[in-house]
C-alpha atoms as a PDB file:
ATOM      1  CA  UNK A   1      14.004  21.572  77.254  1.00  0.00           C
ATOM      2  CA  UNK A   2      11.148  18.405  77.063  1.00  0.00           C
ATOM      3  CA  UNK A   3       7.658  19.521  77.709  1.00  0.00           C
ATOM      4  CA  UNK A   4       5.177  16.568  78.612  1.00  0.00           C
ATOM      5  CA  UNK A   5       1.701  16.908  76.753  1.00  0.00           C
ATOM      6  CA  UNK A   6      -1.728  16.444  78.913  1.00  0.00           C
ATOM      7  CA  UNK A   7      -4.857  15.826  77.814  1.00  0.00           C
ATOM      8  CA  UNK A   8      -6.440  15.087  81.436  1.00  0.00           C
ATOM      9  CA  UNK A   9      -9.368  16.741  82.711  1.00  0.00           C
ATOM     10  CA  UNK A  10      -7.802  19.568  84.691  1.00  0.00           C
ATOM     11  CA  UNK A  11      -6.270  20.583  81.009  1.00  0.00           C
ATOM     12  CA  UNK A  12      -9.271  20.760  78.994  1.00  0.00           C
ATOM     13  CA  UNK A  13     -11.405  22.607  82.007  1.00  0.00           C
ATOM     14  CA  UNK A  14      -8.215  25.359  81.949  1.00  0.00           C
ATOM     15  CA  UNK A  15      -7.819  25.526  78.235  1.00  0.00           C
ATOM     16  CA  UNK A  16     -12.158  26.154  78.479  1.00  0.00           C
ATOM     17  CA  UNK A  17     -12.278  28.447  81.235  1.00  0.00           C
ATOM     18  CA  UNK A  18      -9.299  30.915  79.050  1.00  0.00           C
ATOM     19  CA  UNK A  19     -11.375  30.783  76.128  1.00  0.00           C
ATOM     20  CA  UNK A  20     -14.493  31.532  78.420  1.00  0.00           C
ATOM     21  CA  UNK A  21     -12.734  34.638  79.931  1.00  0.00           C
ATOM     22  CA  UNK A  22     -11.120  35.972  77.039  1.00  0.00           C
ATOM     23  CA  UNK A  23     -13.814  35.542  74.753  1.00  0.00           C
ATOM     24  CA  UNK A  24     -10.766  34.640  71.986  1.00  0.00           C
ATOM     25  CA  UNK A  25     -10.421  31.663  69.902  1.00  0.00           C
ATOM     26  CA  UNK A  26      -7.080  30.277  70.730  1.00  0.00           C
ATOM     27  CA  UNK A  27      -7.042  27.360  67.906  1.00  0.00           C
ATOM     28  CA  UNK A  28      -7.490  29.992  65.227  1.00  0.00           C
ATOM     29  CA  UNK A  29      -3.567  30.783  65.810  1.00  0.00           C
ATOM     30  CA  UNK A  30      -1.010  29.102  63.677  1.00  0.00           C
ATOM     31  CA  UNK A  31       2.213  30.629  65.128  1.00  0.00           C
ATOM     32  CA  UNK A  32       2.725  33.136  62.507  1.00  0.00           C
ATOM     33  CA  UNK A  33       4.862  35.187  64.935  1.00  0.00           C
ATOM     34  CA  UNK A  34       3.432  38.774  64.182  1.00  0.00           C
ATOM     35  CA  UNK A  35       2.823  39.325  67.885  1.00  0.00           C
ATOM     36  CA  UNK A  36       5.988  38.540  69.264  1.00  0.00           C
ATOM     37  CA  UNK A  37       7.823  40.842  66.523  1.00  0.00           C
ATOM     38  CA  UNK A  38       5.884  43.668  67.537  1.00  0.00           C
ATOM     39  CA  UNK A  39       5.442  43.130  71.490  1.00  0.00           C
ATOM     40  CA  UNK A  40       7.524  46.321  72.850  1.00  0.00           C
ATOM     41  CA  UNK A  41       8.570  44.128  76.541  1.00  0.00           C
ATOM     42  CA  UNK A  42       8.976  40.468  74.312  1.00  0.00           C
ATOM     43  CA  UNK A  43      12.630  40.838  74.898  1.00  0.00           C
ATOM     44  CA  UNK A  44      12.071  40.447  78.673  1.00  0.00           C
ATOM     45  CA  UNK A  45       9.661  37.821  78.747  1.00  0.00           C
ATOM     46  CA  UNK A  46      10.847  34.000  79.274  1.00  0.00           C
ATOM     47  CA  UNK A  47       8.644  32.924  76.792  1.00  0.00           C
ATOM     48  CA  UNK A  48       7.309  34.713  73.663  1.00  0.00           C
ATOM     49  CA  UNK A  49       3.567  35.515  72.879  1.00  0.00           C
ATOM     50  CA  UNK A  50       3.024  33.450  70.469  1.00  0.00           C
ATOM     51  CA  UNK A  51       4.389  30.513  72.382  1.00  0.00           C
ATOM     52  CA  UNK A  52       2.168  30.960  75.398  1.00  0.00           C
ATOM     53  CA  UNK A  53      -1.143  30.548  73.257  1.00  0.00           C
ATOM     54  CA  UNK A  54       0.668  27.422  71.852  1.00  0.00           C
ATOM     55  CA  UNK A  55       1.393  26.306  75.211  1.00  0.00           C
ATOM     56  CA  UNK A  56      -2.258  26.543  75.331  1.00  0.00           C
ATOM     57  CA  UNK A  57      -3.240  24.727  72.524  1.00  0.00           C
ATOM     58  CA  UNK A  58      -1.153  21.614  73.949  1.00  0.00           C
ATOM     59  CA  UNK A  59      -2.539  22.034  77.258  1.00  0.00           C
ATOM     60  CA  UNK A  60       0.783  22.860  79.042  1.00  0.00           C
ATOM     61  CA  UNK A  61      -1.231  24.784  81.727  1.00  0.00           C
ATOM     62  CA  UNK A  62       1.262  24.469  84.137  1.00  0.00           C
ATOM     63  CA  UNK A  63       3.972  25.861  82.167  1.00  0.00           C
ATOM     64  CA  UNK A  64       1.634  28.705  81.359  1.00  0.00           C
ATOM     65  CA  UNK A  65       1.227  29.874  84.819  1.00  0.00           C
ATOM     66  CA  UNK A  66       4.152  29.293  85.590  1.00  0.00           C
ATOM     67  CA  UNK A  67       5.415  31.882  83.185  1.00  0.00           C
ATOM     68  CA  UNK A  68       6.530  35.393  84.074  1.00  0.00           C
ATOM     69  CA  UNK A  69       5.342  36.343  80.241  1.00  0.00           C
ATOM     70  CA  UNK A  70       1.583  36.836  81.374  1.00  0.00           C
ATOM     71  CA  UNK A  71       2.701  39.003  84.415  1.00  0.00           C
ATOM     72  CA  UNK A  72       4.833  41.585  82.112  1.00  0.00           C
ATOM     73  CA  UNK A  73       1.798  41.868  79.465  1.00  0.00           C
ATOM     74  CA  UNK A  74       1.512  45.759  78.965  1.00  0.00           C
ATOM     75  CA  UNK A  75      -2.013  44.863  77.549  1.00  0.00           C
ATOM     76  CA  UNK A  76      -1.149  47.902  74.667  1.00  0.00           C
ATOM     77  CA  UNK A  77      -2.997  45.529  72.256  1.00  0.00           C
ATOM     78  CA  UNK A  78      -0.442  45.547  69.711  1.00  0.00           C
ATOM     79  CA  UNK A  79      -0.280  41.961  69.345  1.00  0.00           C
ATOM     80  CA  UNK A  80      -4.062  42.282  68.606  1.00  0.00           C
ATOM     81  CA  UNK A  81      -3.834  44.770  65.585  1.00  0.00           C
ATOM     82  CA  UNK A  82      -1.227  42.813  64.320  1.00  0.00           C
ATOM     83  CA  UNK A  83      -2.805  39.577  64.180  1.00  0.00           C
ATOM     84  CA  UNK A  84      -4.272  38.249  60.710  1.00  0.00           C
ATOM     85  CA  UNK A  85      -6.629  36.295  62.697  1.00  0.00           C
ATOM     86  CA  UNK A  86      -7.837  38.433  64.596  1.00  0.00           C
ATOM     87  CA  UNK A  87      -7.081  37.147  68.304  1.00  0.00           C
ATOM     88  CA  UNK A  88      -6.930  40.013  70.894  1.00  0.00           C
ATOM     89  CA  UNK A  89      -4.046  38.340  72.873  1.00  0.00           C
ATOM     90  CA  UNK A  90      -4.266  40.725  75.504  1.00  0.00           C
ATOM     91  CA  UNK A  91      -7.448  39.675  76.585  1.00  0.00           C
ATOM     92  CA  UNK A  92      -5.975  35.438  76.317  1.00  0.00           C
ATOM     93  CA  UNK A  93      -3.277  37.056  78.905  1.00  0.00           C
ATOM     94  CA  UNK A  94      -5.867  38.837  81.386  1.00  0.00           C
ATOM     95  CA  UNK A  95      -8.036  35.517  81.519  1.00  0.00           C
ATOM     96  CA  UNK A  96      -4.552  33.622  82.112  1.00  0.00           C
ATOM     97  CA  UNK A  97      -3.858  36.372  85.195  1.00  0.00           C
ATOM     98  CA  UNK A  98      -7.009  35.493  86.576  1.00  0.00           C
ATOM     99  CA  UNK A  99      -7.268  32.023  86.607  1.00  0.00           C
ATOM    100  CA  UNK A 100      -3.688  32.288  88.103  1.00  0.00           C
ATOM    101  CA  UNK A 101      -4.498  34.466  90.599  1.00  0.00           C
ATOM    102  CA  UNK A 102      -7.664  31.831  91.677  1.00  0.00           C
ATOM    103  CA  UNK A 103      -4.571  29.038  91.610  1.00  0.00           C
ATOM    104  CA  UNK A 104      -3.034  30.511  94.711  1.00  0.00           C
ATOM    105  CA  UNK A 105      -1.594  27.157  95.647  1.00  0.00           C
ATOM    106  CA  UNK A 106       0.826  27.720  92.362  1.00  0.00           C
ATOM    107  CA  UNK A 107       2.265  31.107  93.401  1.00  0.00           C
ATOM    108  CA  UNK A 108       1.222  32.284  97.161  1.00  0.00           C
ATOM    109  CA  UNK A 109       4.175  33.726  98.900  1.00  0.00           C
ATOM    110  CA  UNK A 110       3.512  32.475 102.945  1.00  0.00           C
ATOM    111  CA  UNK A 111       5.403  33.443 105.979  1.00  0.00           C
ATOM    112  CA  UNK A 112       7.480  30.493 105.800  1.00  0.00           C
ATOM    113  CA  UNK A 113       8.643  30.858 102.127  1.00  0.00           C
ATOM    114  CA  UNK A 114       9.741  34.210 102.724  1.00  0.00           C
ATOM    115  CA  UNK A 115      11.718  33.205 106.650  1.00  0.00           C
ATOM    116  CA  UNK A 116      12.747  30.114 104.476  1.00  0.00           C
ATOM    117  CA  UNK A 117      14.621  32.495 101.728  1.00  0.00           C
ATOM    118  CA  UNK A 118      14.985  35.846 104.120  1.00  0.00           C
ATOM    119  CA  UNK A 119      18.937  35.672 103.865  1.00  0.00           C
ATOM    120  CA  UNK A 120      19.019  34.882  99.960  1.00  0.00           C
ATOM    121  CA  UNK A 121      16.278  37.872  99.128  1.00  0.00           C
ATOM    122  CA  UNK A 122      18.363  39.966 101.549  1.00  0.00           C
ATOM    123  CA  UNK A 123      21.724  39.663  99.913  1.00  0.00           C
ATOM    124  CA  UNK A 124      19.996  39.960  96.442  1.00  0.00           C
ATOM    125  CA  UNK A 125      18.228  43.143  97.431  1.00  0.00           C
ATOM    126  CA  UNK A 126      21.419  44.867  98.798  1.00  0.00           C
ATOM    127  CA  UNK A 127      23.574  43.486  95.451  1.00  0.00           C
ATOM    128  CA  UNK A 128      20.813  44.894  93.244  1.00  0.00           C
ATOM    129  CA  UNK A 129      20.359  48.454  95.150  1.00  0.00           C
ATOM    130  CA  UNK A 130      21.782  50.378  92.083  1.00  0.00           C
ATOM    131  CA  UNK A 131      20.648  47.776  89.229  1.00  0.00           C
ATOM    132  CA  UNK A 132      16.937  48.146  87.453  1.00  0.00           C
ATOM    133  CA  UNK A 133      17.087  44.089  86.548  1.00  0.00           C
ATOM    134  CA  UNK A 134      15.579  42.788  89.676  1.00  0.00           C
ATOM    135  CA  UNK A 135      13.800  39.847  89.020  1.00  0.00           C
ATOM    136  CA  UNK A 136      10.521  40.728  90.157  1.00  0.00           C
ATOM    137  CA  UNK A 137       7.748  38.362  91.405  1.00  0.00           C
ATOM    138  CA  UNK A 138       4.862  39.134  89.187  1.00  0.00           C
ATOM    139  CA  UNK A 139       2.371  37.631  91.521  1.00  0.00           C
ATOM    140  CA  UNK A 140       3.263  39.867  94.462  1.00  0.00           C
ATOM    141  CA  UNK A 141       2.932  42.823  92.339  1.00  0.00           C
ATOM    142  CA  UNK A 142      -0.208  42.018  90.697  1.00  0.00           C
ATOM    143  CA  UNK A 143      -1.761  41.940  93.747  1.00  0.00           C
ATOM    144  CA  UNK A 144      -0.778  44.541  95.449  1.00  0.00           C
ATOM    145  CA  UNK A 145      -1.226  47.119  92.855  1.00  0.00           C
ATOM    146  CA  UNK A 146      -4.909  46.087  92.700  1.00  0.00           C
ATOM    147  CA  UNK A 147      -5.416  46.546  96.316  1.00  0.00           C
ATOM    148  CA  UNK A 148      -3.902  50.178  95.648  1.00  0.00           C
ATOM    149  CA  UNK A 149      -6.351  50.696  93.167  1.00  0.00           C
ATOM    150  CA  UNK A 150      -8.796  49.687  95.361  1.00  0.00           C
ATOM    151  CA  UNK A 151      -8.353  51.901  98.704  1.00  0.00           C
ATOM    152  CA  UNK A 152      -7.314  55.125  96.541  1.00  0.00           C
ATOM    153  CA  UNK A 153      -8.857  54.468  93.327  1.00  0.00           C
ATOM    154  CA  UNK A 154      -5.994  55.107  91.435  1.00  0.00           C
ATOM    155  CA  UNK A 155      -1.842  53.889  91.963  1.00  0.00           C
ATOM    156  CA  UNK A 156      -0.362  55.407  95.115  1.00  0.00           C
ATOM    157  CA  UNK A 157       3.507  55.035  93.849  1.00  0.00           C
ATOM    158  CA  UNK A 158       4.575  55.241  97.558  1.00  0.00           C
ATOM    159  CA  UNK A 159       2.384  53.050  98.776  1.00  0.00           C
ATOM    160  CA  UNK A 160       2.946  50.262  95.798  1.00  0.00           C
ATOM    161  CA  UNK A 161       6.512  50.520  96.352  1.00  0.00           C
ATOM    162  CA  UNK A 162       6.658  49.714  99.828  1.00  0.00           C
ATOM    163  CA  UNK A 163       4.064  47.392  99.744  1.00  0.00           C
ATOM    164  CA  UNK A 164       5.977  45.217  97.091  1.00  0.00           C
ATOM    165  CA  UNK A 165       9.336  45.661  98.973  1.00  0.00           C
ATOM    166  CA  UNK A 166       8.010  44.390 102.257  1.00  0.00           C
ATOM    167  CA  UNK A 167       5.964  41.494 101.008  1.00  0.00           C
ATOM    168  CA  UNK A 168       8.586  40.385  98.361  1.00  0.00           C
ATOM    169  CA  UNK A 169      11.313  40.350 100.539  1.00  0.00           C
ATOM    170  CA  UNK A 170      13.374  42.530  98.004  1.00  0.00           C
ATOM    171  CA  UNK A 171      13.411  45.267 101.022  1.00  0.00           C
ATOM    172  CA  UNK A 172      15.989  47.692  98.935  1.00  0.00           C
ATOM    173  CA  UNK A 173      14.589  47.248  95.376  1.00  0.00           C
ATOM    174  CA  UNK A 174      15.224  50.843  93.727  1.00  0.00           C
ATOM    175  CA  UNK A 175      15.539  51.821  97.113  1.00  0.00           C
ATOM    176  CA  UNK A 176      17.683  54.489  96.456  1.00  0.00           C
ATOM    177  CA  UNK A 177      15.477  55.946  93.494  1.00  0.00           C
ATOM    178  CA  UNK A 178      12.599  56.914  95.726  1.00  0.00           C
ATOM    179  CA  UNK A 179      14.165  60.071  96.978  1.00  0.00           C
ATOM    180  CA  UNK A 180      15.113  61.190  93.396  1.00  0.00           C
ATOM    181  CA  UNK A 181      11.167  60.995  92.576  1.00  0.00           C
ATOM    182  CA  UNK A 182      10.102  62.617  95.377  1.00  0.00           C
ATOM    183  CA  UNK A 183      12.537  65.762  94.952  1.00  0.00           C
ATOM    184  CA  UNK A 184      11.470  65.614  90.770  1.00  0.00           C
ATOM    185  CA  UNK A 185       8.150  65.820  92.437  1.00  0.00           C
ATOM    186  CA  UNK A 186       7.032  62.415  90.298  1.00  0.00           C
ATOM    187  CA  UNK A 187       5.930  60.299  93.636  1.00  0.00           C
ATOM    188  CA  UNK A 188       4.458  61.801  97.138  1.00  0.00           C
ATOM    189  CA  UNK A 189       3.861  60.781 100.421  1.00  0.00           C
ATOM    190  CA  UNK A 190       0.659  61.201 100.525  1.00  0.00           C
ATOM    191  CA  UNK A 191      -2.055  59.599  98.034  1.00  0.00           C
ATOM    192  CA  UNK A 192      -3.788  62.172  96.372  1.00  0.00           C
ATOM    193  CA  UNK A 193      -8.123  62.064  96.952  1.00  0.00           C
ATOM    194  CA  UNK A 194     -10.114  61.096  93.954  1.00  0.00           C
ATOM    195  CA  UNK A 195     -13.679  61.385  93.378  1.00  0.00           C
ATOM    196  CA  UNK A 196     -15.951  58.049  93.055  1.00  0.00           C
ATOM    197  CA  UNK A 197     -14.022  56.301  95.294  1.00  0.00           C
ATOM    198  CA  UNK A 198     -17.138  54.395  96.313  1.00  0.00           C
ATOM    199  CA  UNK A 199     -17.700  53.641  93.069  1.00  0.00           C
ATOM    200  CA  UNK A 200     -14.839  51.935  92.653  1.00  0.00           C
ATOM    201  CA  UNK A 201     -15.135  50.059  95.567  1.00  0.00           C
ATOM    202  CA  UNK A 202     -18.431  48.813  94.171  1.00  0.00           C
ATOM    203  CA  UNK A 203     -16.396  47.418  91.376  1.00  0.00           C
ATOM    204  CA  UNK A 204     -14.434  45.416  93.172  1.00  0.00           C
ATOM    205  CA  UNK A 205     -16.885  44.032  95.568  1.00  0.00           C
ATOM    206  CA  UNK A 206     -19.225  43.327  92.322  1.00  0.00           C
ATOM    207  CA  UNK A 207     -15.860  41.048  91.335  1.00  0.00           C
ATOM    208  CA  UNK A 208     -15.728  39.501  94.016  1.00  0.00           C
ATOM    209  CA  UNK A 209     -19.641  38.386  94.750  1.00  0.00           C
ATOM    210  CA  UNK A 210     -18.755  37.032  90.972  1.00  0.00           C
ATOM    211  CA  UNK A 211     -15.710  35.101  91.818  1.00  0.00           C
ATOM    212  CA  UNK A 212     -17.826  33.611  94.924  1.00  0.00           C
ATOM    213  CA  UNK A 213     -20.425  32.486  92.809  1.00  0.00           C
ATOM    214  CA  UNK A 214     -18.198  31.021  90.366  1.00  0.00           C
ATOM    215  CA  UNK A 215     -16.342  29.010  93.400  1.00  0.00           C
ATOM    216  CA  UNK A 216     -19.691  27.303  94.608  1.00  0.00           C
ATOM    217  CA  UNK A 217     -20.232  26.173  91.011  1.00  0.00           C
ATOM    218  CA  UNK A 218     -16.972  24.441  90.782  1.00  0.00           C
END
């Protein structure tokens, strides 16, 4: 696979933004691979965590944003503990996800795309009813996850699964597992009420305000 290096202004700005948000010095990484060796979900990633750092060092920002690795990172900080250079890689992944959310043009799920791919997604969804390896739309899942937390203050699993299936187009993904989980009281029909939901909303509103300020600066 050939990768084209870039030194344009967009690349420089992207790398600087990752460093600013994460607070990590990605230039100190010398590719020892300890982060990848200890990562519990590395086998599911298309690129290893250390490769993401290398992509950033080389200015391959489009490759970074298009990978599923940034969405699969569990934020367990195993990599951070193992890193001899004390780089908190989970924070780097989080920073890239934040930027990816802003770059809606690269990942946005439009109604036209859903209609265009309806037949393919429907067939894939039916074919994978009994399987667990269906490829998710990671950006879609991340967005719905955050909305779930904002509305309920915690994860409402049934709502999360339903909204993901509808918005991703994989209507039947994990379809037969829901009744089993409900019987075992793992998920419920009604979200649980929590105290301090207004405080959770204040956090999200504050983030919205900060993002608006960032956009005005740009």
